[in-house]
PDB file of N, CA and C in Angstrom:
ATOM      1  N   UNK A   1      -7.601   3.179  11.370  1.00  0.00           N
ATOM      2  CA  UNK A   1      -6.338   2.466  11.384  1.00  0.00           C
ATOM      3  C   UNK A   1      -5.386   3.030  12.414  1.00  0.00           C
ATOM      4  N   UNK A   2      -5.862   3.887  13.287  1.00  0.00           N
ATOM      5  CA  UNK A   2      -5.009   4.535  14.260  1.00  0.00           C
ATOM      6  C   UNK A   2      -4.214   3.583  15.126  1.00  0.00           C
ATOM      7  N   UNK A   3      -4.802   2.471  15.533  1.00  0.00           N
ATOM      8  CA  UNK A   3      -4.110   1.516  16.386  1.00  0.00           C
ATOM      9  C   UNK A   3      -3.092   0.687  15.612  1.00  0.00           C
ATOM     10  N   UNK A   4      -3.094   0.813  14.312  1.00  0.00           N
ATOM     11  CA  UNK A   4      -2.162   0.070  13.476  1.00  0.00           C
ATOM     12  C   UNK A   4      -0.999   0.935  13.005  1.00  0.00           C
ATOM     13  N   UNK A   5      -0.809   2.090  13.606  1.00  0.00           N
ATOM     14  CA  UNK A   5       0.176   3.050  13.108  1.00  0.00           C
ATOM     15  C   UNK A   5       1.609   2.536  13.161  1.00  0.00           C
ATOM     16  N   UNK A   6       1.888   1.499  13.932  1.00  0.00           N
ATOM     17  CA  UNK A   6       3.251   0.948  14.019  1.00  0.00           C
ATOM     18  C   UNK A   6       3.447  -0.281  13.135  1.00  0.00           C
ATOM     19  N   UNK A   7       2.428  -0.615  12.345  1.00  0.00           N
ATOM     20  CA  UNK A   7       2.520  -1.787  11.465  1.00  0.00           C
ATOM     21  C   UNK A   7       3.651  -1.602  10.462  1.00  0.00           C
ATOM     22  N   UNK A   8       4.440  -2.638  10.269  1.00  0.00           N
ATOM     23  CA  UNK A   8       5.575  -2.560   9.354  1.00  0.00           C
ATOM     24  C   UNK A   8       5.312  -3.295   8.040  1.00  0.00           C
ATOM     25  N   UNK A   9       4.518  -4.366   8.070  1.00  0.00           N
ATOM     26  CA  UNK A   9       4.235  -5.158   6.869  1.00  0.00           C
ATOM     27  C   UNK A   9       2.724  -5.332   6.743  1.00  0.00           C
ATOM     28  N   UNK A  10       2.204  -5.041   5.556  1.00  0.00           N
ATOM     29  CA  UNK A  10       0.788  -5.255   5.274  1.00  0.00           C
ATOM     30  C   UNK A  10       0.680  -6.003   3.958  1.00  0.00           C
ATOM     31  N   UNK A  11       0.265  -7.262   4.045  1.00  0.00           N
ATOM     32  CA  UNK A  11       0.156  -8.111   2.870  1.00  0.00           C
ATOM     33  C   UNK A  11      -1.314  -8.326   2.553  1.00  0.00           C
ATOM     34  N   UNK A  12      -1.787  -7.692   1.491  1.00  0.00           N
ATOM     35  CA  UNK A  12      -3.168  -7.824   1.028  1.00  0.00           C
ATOM     36  C   UNK A  12      -3.189  -8.466  -0.353  1.00  0.00           C
ATOM     37  N   UNK A  13      -2.218  -9.285  -0.610  1.00  0.00           N
ATOM     38  CA  UNK A  13      -1.998  -9.964  -1.885  1.00  0.00           C
ATOM     39  C   UNK A  13      -3.189 -10.860  -2.244  1.00  0.00           C
ATOM     40  N   UNK A  14      -3.681 -10.735  -3.468  1.00  0.00           N
ATOM     41  CA  UNK A  14      -4.691 -11.641  -4.044  1.00  0.00           C
ATOM     42  C   UNK A  14      -5.961 -11.752  -3.214  1.00  0.00           C
ATOM     43  N   UNK A  15      -6.558 -10.624  -2.885  1.00  0.00           N
ATOM     44  CA  UNK A  15      -7.801 -10.615  -2.117  1.00  0.00           C
ATOM     45  C   UNK A  15      -9.005 -10.191  -2.946  1.00  0.00           C
ATOM     46  N   UNK A  16      -8.818  -9.991  -4.226  1.00  0.00           N
ATOM     47  CA  UNK A  16      -9.885  -9.579  -5.138  1.00  0.00           C
ATOM     48  C   UNK A  16     -10.488  -8.224  -4.752  1.00  0.00           C
ATOM     49  N   UNK A  17      -9.655  -7.354  -4.162  1.00  0.00           N
ATOM     50  CA  UNK A  17     -10.109  -5.996  -3.862  1.00  0.00           C
ATOM     51  C   UNK A  17     -10.264  -5.234  -5.163  1.00  0.00           C
ATOM     52  N   UNK A  18     -11.234  -4.340  -5.210  1.00  0.00           N
ATOM     53  CA  UNK A  18     -11.362  -3.456  -6.367  1.00  0.00           C
ATOM     54  C   UNK A  18     -11.628  -2.046  -5.877  1.00  0.00           C
ATOM     55  N   UNK A  19     -11.491  -1.097  -6.782  1.00  0.00           N
ATOM     56  CA  UNK A  19     -11.662   0.312  -6.422  1.00  0.00           C
ATOM     57  C   UNK A  19     -10.319   0.987  -6.234  1.00  0.00           C
ATOM     58  N   UNK A  20     -10.341   2.096  -5.525  1.00  0.00           N
ATOM     59  CA  UNK A  20      -9.127   2.877  -5.315  1.00  0.00           C
ATOM     60  C   UNK A  20      -8.392   2.438  -4.054  1.00  0.00           C
ATOM     61  N   UNK A  21      -7.104   2.768  -4.007  1.00  0.00           N
ATOM     62  CA  UNK A  21      -6.313   2.517  -2.799  1.00  0.00           C
ATOM     63  C   UNK A  21      -6.815   3.481  -1.725  1.00  0.00           C
ATOM     64  N   UNK A  22      -7.220   2.974  -0.570  1.00  0.00           N
ATOM     65  CA  UNK A  22      -7.765   3.848   0.475  1.00  0.00           C
ATOM     66  C   UNK A  22      -6.729   4.856   0.987  1.00  0.00           C
ATOM     67  N   UNK A  23      -7.173   6.066   1.185  1.00  0.00           N
ATOM     68  CA  UNK A  23      -6.319   7.123   1.726  1.00  0.00           C
ATOM     69  C   UNK A  23      -5.912   6.798   3.165  1.00  0.00           C
ATOM     70  N   UNK A  24      -6.657   5.951   3.831  1.00  0.00           N
ATOM     71  CA  UNK A  24      -6.346   5.583   5.209  1.00  0.00           C
ATOM     72  C   UNK A  24      -4.993   4.893   5.342  1.00  0.00           C
ATOM     73  N   UNK A  25      -4.447   4.363   4.248  1.00  0.00           N
ATOM     74  CA  UNK A  25      -3.097   3.813   4.310  1.00  0.00           C
ATOM     75  C   UNK A  25      -2.098   4.884   4.732  1.00  0.00           C
ATOM     76  N   UNK A  26      -2.440   6.138   4.541  1.00  0.00           N
ATOM     77  CA  UNK A  26      -1.560   7.239   4.922  1.00  0.00           C
ATOM     78  C   UNK A  26      -1.309   7.279   6.422  1.00  0.00           C
ATOM     79  N   UNK A  27      -2.207   6.667   7.199  1.00  0.00           N
ATOM     80  CA  UNK A  27      -2.038   6.635   8.652  1.00  0.00           C
ATOM     81  C   UNK A  27      -0.985   5.627   9.093  1.00  0.00           C
ATOM     82  N   UNK A  28      -0.523   4.805   8.190  1.00  0.00           N
ATOM     83  CA  UNK A  28       0.441   3.746   8.519  1.00  0.00           C
ATOM     84  C   UNK A  28       1.866   4.216   8.228  1.00  0.00           C
ATOM     85  N   UNK A  29       2.297   5.207   8.953  1.00  0.00           N
ATOM     86  CA  UNK A  29       3.575   5.872   8.681  1.00  0.00           C
ATOM     87  C   UNK A  29       4.791   4.970   8.878  1.00  0.00           C
ATOM     88  N   UNK A  30       4.678   3.893   9.637  1.00  0.00           N
ATOM     89  CA  UNK A  30       5.812   2.990   9.868  1.00  0.00           C
ATOM     90  C   UNK A  30       5.884   1.864   8.851  1.00  0.00           C
ATOM     91  N   UNK A  31       4.957   1.855   7.913  1.00  0.00           N
ATOM     92  CA  UNK A  31       4.871   0.769   6.942  1.00  0.00           C
ATOM     93  C   UNK A  31       6.149   0.664   6.114  1.00  0.00           C
ATOM     94  N   UNK A  32       6.686  -0.550   6.015  1.00  0.00           N
ATOM     95  CA  UNK A  32       7.882  -0.796   5.217  1.00  0.00           C
ATOM     96  C   UNK A  32       7.568  -1.619   3.980  1.00  0.00           C
ATOM     97  N   UNK A  33       6.579  -2.503   4.058  1.00  0.00           N
ATOM     98  CA  UNK A  33       6.191  -3.329   2.921  1.00  0.00           C
ATOM     99  C   UNK A  33       4.679  -3.277   2.784  1.00  0.00           C
ATOM    100  N   UNK A  34       4.209  -2.948   1.583  1.00  0.00           N
ATOM    101  CA  UNK A  34       2.784  -2.946   1.265  1.00  0.00           C
ATOM    102  C   UNK A  34       2.603  -3.768   0.007  1.00  0.00           C
ATOM    103  N   UNK A  35       1.923  -4.900   0.123  1.00  0.00           N
ATOM    104  CA  UNK A  35       1.732  -5.796  -1.017  1.00  0.00           C
ATOM    105  C   UNK A  35       0.259  -5.788  -1.408  1.00  0.00           C
ATOM    106  N   UNK A  36      -0.034  -5.202  -2.555  1.00  0.00           N
ATOM    107  CA  UNK A  36      -1.387  -5.122  -3.091  1.00  0.00           C
ATOM    108  C   UNK A  36      -1.496  -5.865  -4.418  1.00  0.00           C
ATOM    109  N   UNK A  37      -0.546  -6.722  -4.701  1.00  0.00           N
ATOM    110  CA  UNK A  37      -0.507  -7.425  -5.987  1.00  0.00           C
ATOM    111  C   UNK A  37      -1.726  -8.333  -6.155  1.00  0.00           C
ATOM    112  N   UNK A  38      -2.061  -8.568  -7.394  1.00  0.00           N
ATOM    113  CA  UNK A  38      -3.161  -9.459  -7.772  1.00  0.00           C
ATOM    114  C   UNK A  38      -4.493  -9.045  -7.165  1.00  0.00           C
ATOM    115  N   UNK A  39      -4.764  -7.756  -7.194  1.00  0.00           N
ATOM    116  CA  UNK A  39      -6.069  -7.205  -6.870  1.00  0.00           C
ATOM    117  C   UNK A  39      -6.526  -6.423  -8.091  1.00  0.00           C
ATOM    118  N   UNK A  40      -7.662  -5.837  -8.027  1.00  0.00           N
ATOM    119  CA  UNK A  40      -8.194  -5.076  -9.148  1.00  0.00           C
ATOM    120  C   UNK A  40      -8.353  -3.609  -8.756  1.00  0.00           C
ATOM    121  N   UNK A  41      -7.276  -3.049  -8.210  1.00  0.00           N
ATOM    122  CA  UNK A  41      -7.308  -1.660  -7.770  1.00  0.00           C
ATOM    123  C   UNK A  41      -7.067  -0.735  -8.952  1.00  0.00           C
ATOM    124  N   UNK A  42      -7.632   0.464  -8.865  1.00  0.00           N
ATOM    125  CA  UNK A  42      -7.460   1.445  -9.935  1.00  0.00           C
ATOM    126  C   UNK A  42      -7.378   2.839  -9.339  1.00  0.00           C
ATOM    127  N   UNK A  43      -7.223   3.805 -10.184  1.00  0.00           N
ATOM    128  CA  UNK A  43      -7.119   5.183  -9.719  1.00  0.00           C
ATOM    129  C   UNK A  43      -5.686   5.544  -9.388  1.00  0.00           C
ATOM    130  N   UNK A  44      -5.542   6.636  -8.683  1.00  0.00           N
ATOM    131  CA  UNK A  44      -4.206   7.119  -8.348  1.00  0.00           C
ATOM    132  C   UNK A  44      -3.764   6.587  -6.988  1.00  0.00           C
ATOM    133  N   UNK A  45      -2.472   6.559  -6.809  1.00  0.00           N
ATOM    134  CA  UNK A  45      -1.895   6.163  -5.529  1.00  0.00           C
ATOM    135  C   UNK A  45      -1.897   7.400  -4.639  1.00  0.00           C
ATOM    136  N   UNK A  46      -2.422   7.298  -3.418  1.00  0.00           N
ATOM    137  CA  UNK A  46      -2.403   8.460  -2.526  1.00  0.00           C
ATOM    138  C   UNK A  46      -0.988   9.017  -2.395  1.00  0.00           C
ATOM    139  N   UNK A  47      -0.853  10.316  -2.549  1.00  0.00           N
ATOM    140  CA  UNK A  47       0.479  10.941  -2.575  1.00  0.00           C
ATOM    141  C   UNK A  47       1.249  10.734  -1.283  1.00  0.00           C
ATOM    142  N   UNK A  48       0.573  10.578  -0.173  1.00  0.00           N
ATOM    143  CA  UNK A  48       1.272  10.404   1.099  1.00  0.00           C
ATOM    144  C   UNK A  48       2.091   9.123   1.130  1.00  0.00           C
ATOM    145  N   UNK A  49       1.682   8.090   0.407  1.00  0.00           N
ATOM    146  CA  UNK A  49       2.413   6.826   0.399  1.00  0.00           C
ATOM    147  C   UNK A  49       3.810   7.012  -0.168  1.00  0.00           C
ATOM    148  N   UNK A  50       3.946   7.886  -1.119  1.00  0.00           N
ATOM    149  CA  UNK A  50       5.249   8.139  -1.725  1.00  0.00           C
ATOM    150  C   UNK A  50       6.205   8.842  -0.755  1.00  0.00           C
ATOM    151  N   UNK A  51       5.683   9.399   0.313  1.00  0.00           N
ATOM    152  CA  UNK A  51       6.510  10.149   1.258  1.00  0.00           C
ATOM    153  C   UNK A  51       6.898   9.343   2.492  1.00  0.00           C
ATOM    154  N   UNK A  52       6.503   8.070   2.546  1.00  0.00           N
ATOM    155  CA  UNK A  52       6.870   7.244   3.695  1.00  0.00           C
ATOM    156  C   UNK A  52       8.371   7.010   3.670  1.00  0.00           C
ATOM    157  N   UNK A  53       9.067   7.530   4.641  1.00  0.00           N
ATOM    158  CA  UNK A  53      10.528   7.395   4.654  1.00  0.00           C
ATOM    159  C   UNK A  53      10.967   5.975   4.991  1.00  0.00           C
ATOM    160  N   UNK A  54      10.127   5.215   5.675  1.00  0.00           N
ATOM    161  CA  UNK A  54      10.538   3.877   6.086  1.00  0.00           C
ATOM    162  C   UNK A  54      10.134   2.795   5.085  1.00  0.00           C
ATOM    163  N   UNK A  55       9.383   3.151   4.020  1.00  0.00           N
ATOM    164  CA  UNK A  55       8.912   2.123   3.101  1.00  0.00           C
ATOM    165  C   UNK A  55      10.050   1.593   2.245  1.00  0.00           C
ATOM    166  N   UNK A  56      10.222   0.274   2.261  1.00  0.00           N
ATOM    167  CA  UNK A  56      11.219  -0.392   1.441  1.00  0.00           C
ATOM    168  C   UNK A  56      10.623  -0.821   0.113  1.00  0.00           C
ATOM    169  N   UNK A  57       9.390  -1.336   0.143  1.00  0.00           N
ATOM    170  CA  UNK A  57       8.831  -1.910  -1.062  1.00  0.00           C
ATOM    171  C   UNK A  57       7.310  -1.821  -1.054  1.00  0.00           C
ATOM    172  N   UNK A  58       6.765  -1.457  -2.189  1.00  0.00           N
ATOM    173  CA  UNK A  58       5.323  -1.524  -2.399  1.00  0.00           C
ATOM    174  C   UNK A  58       5.115  -2.369  -3.630  1.00  0.00           C
ATOM    175  N   UNK A  59       4.466  -3.489  -3.471  1.00  0.00           N
ATOM    176  CA  UNK A  59       4.263  -4.403  -4.582  1.00  0.00           C
ATOM    177  C   UNK A  59       2.809  -4.347  -5.007  1.00  0.00           C
ATOM    178  N   UNK A  60       2.583  -3.921  -6.218  1.00  0.00           N
ATOM    179  CA  UNK A  60       1.246  -3.895  -6.760  1.00  0.00           C
ATOM    180  C   UNK A  60       1.249  -4.450  -8.160  1.00  0.00           C
ATOM    181  N   UNK A  61       2.125  -5.407  -8.401  1.00  0.00           N
ATOM    182  CA  UNK A  61       2.246  -5.966  -9.734  1.00  0.00           C
ATOM    183  C   UNK A  61       0.940  -6.619 -10.162  1.00  0.00           C
ATOM    184  N   UNK A  62       0.837  -6.912 -11.428  1.00  0.00           N
ATOM    185  CA  UNK A  62      -0.369  -7.498 -12.011  1.00  0.00           C
ATOM    186  C   UNK A  62      -1.557  -6.563 -11.830  1.00  0.00           C
ATOM    187  N   UNK A  63      -1.392  -5.329 -12.267  1.00  0.00           N
ATOM    188  CA  UNK A  63      -2.535  -4.446 -12.301  1.00  0.00           C
ATOM    189  C   UNK A  63      -2.436  -3.206 -11.451  1.00  0.00           C
ATOM    190  N   UNK A  64      -1.341  -3.009 -10.745  1.00  0.00           N
ATOM    191  CA  UNK A  64      -1.263  -1.777  -9.968  1.00  0.00           C
ATOM    192  C   UNK A  64       0.082  -1.103 -10.180  1.00  0.00           C
ATOM    193  N   UNK A  65       1.058  -1.368  -9.356  1.00  0.00           N
ATOM    194  CA  UNK A  65       2.340  -0.701  -9.473  1.00  0.00           C
ATOM    195  C   UNK A  65       3.419  -1.523  -8.782  1.00  0.00           C
ATOM    196  N   UNK A  66       4.628  -1.232  -9.101  1.00  0.00           N
ATOM    197  CA  UNK A  66       5.751  -1.863  -8.438  1.00  0.00           C
ATOM    198  C   UNK A  66       6.715  -0.755  -8.065  1.00  0.00           C
ATOM    199  N   UNK A  67       6.776  -0.405  -6.810  1.00  0.00           N
ATOM    200  CA  UNK A  67       7.575   0.727  -6.357  1.00  0.00           C
ATOM    201  C   UNK A  67       8.524   0.249  -5.284  1.00  0.00           C
ATOM    202  N   UNK A  68       9.806   0.481  -5.476  1.00  0.00           N
ATOM    203  CA  UNK A  68      10.806   0.129  -4.465  1.00  0.00           C
ATOM    204  C   UNK A  68      11.562   1.387  -4.124  1.00  0.00           C
ATOM    205  N   UNK A  69      11.646   1.704  -2.853  1.00  0.00           N
ATOM    206  CA  UNK A  69      12.378   2.901  -2.417  1.00  0.00           C
ATOM    207  C   UNK A  69      13.725   2.505  -1.880  1.00  0.00           C
TER     208      UNK A  69
END
């Protein structure tokens, strides 16, 4: 995901993903919105995501989390 390091919005809403949230999201330091709602993700949220200073909203409702900074 190195070439995506300046991405600000990532919408993966309702894609039927399952498993854990990939640690590679940690490479997206400019991310402001991450929408993982309506997937079947489980496990813990990578700790680096909580440290993104530019993140405004992480939407993981319906089975994950709803975090607004």
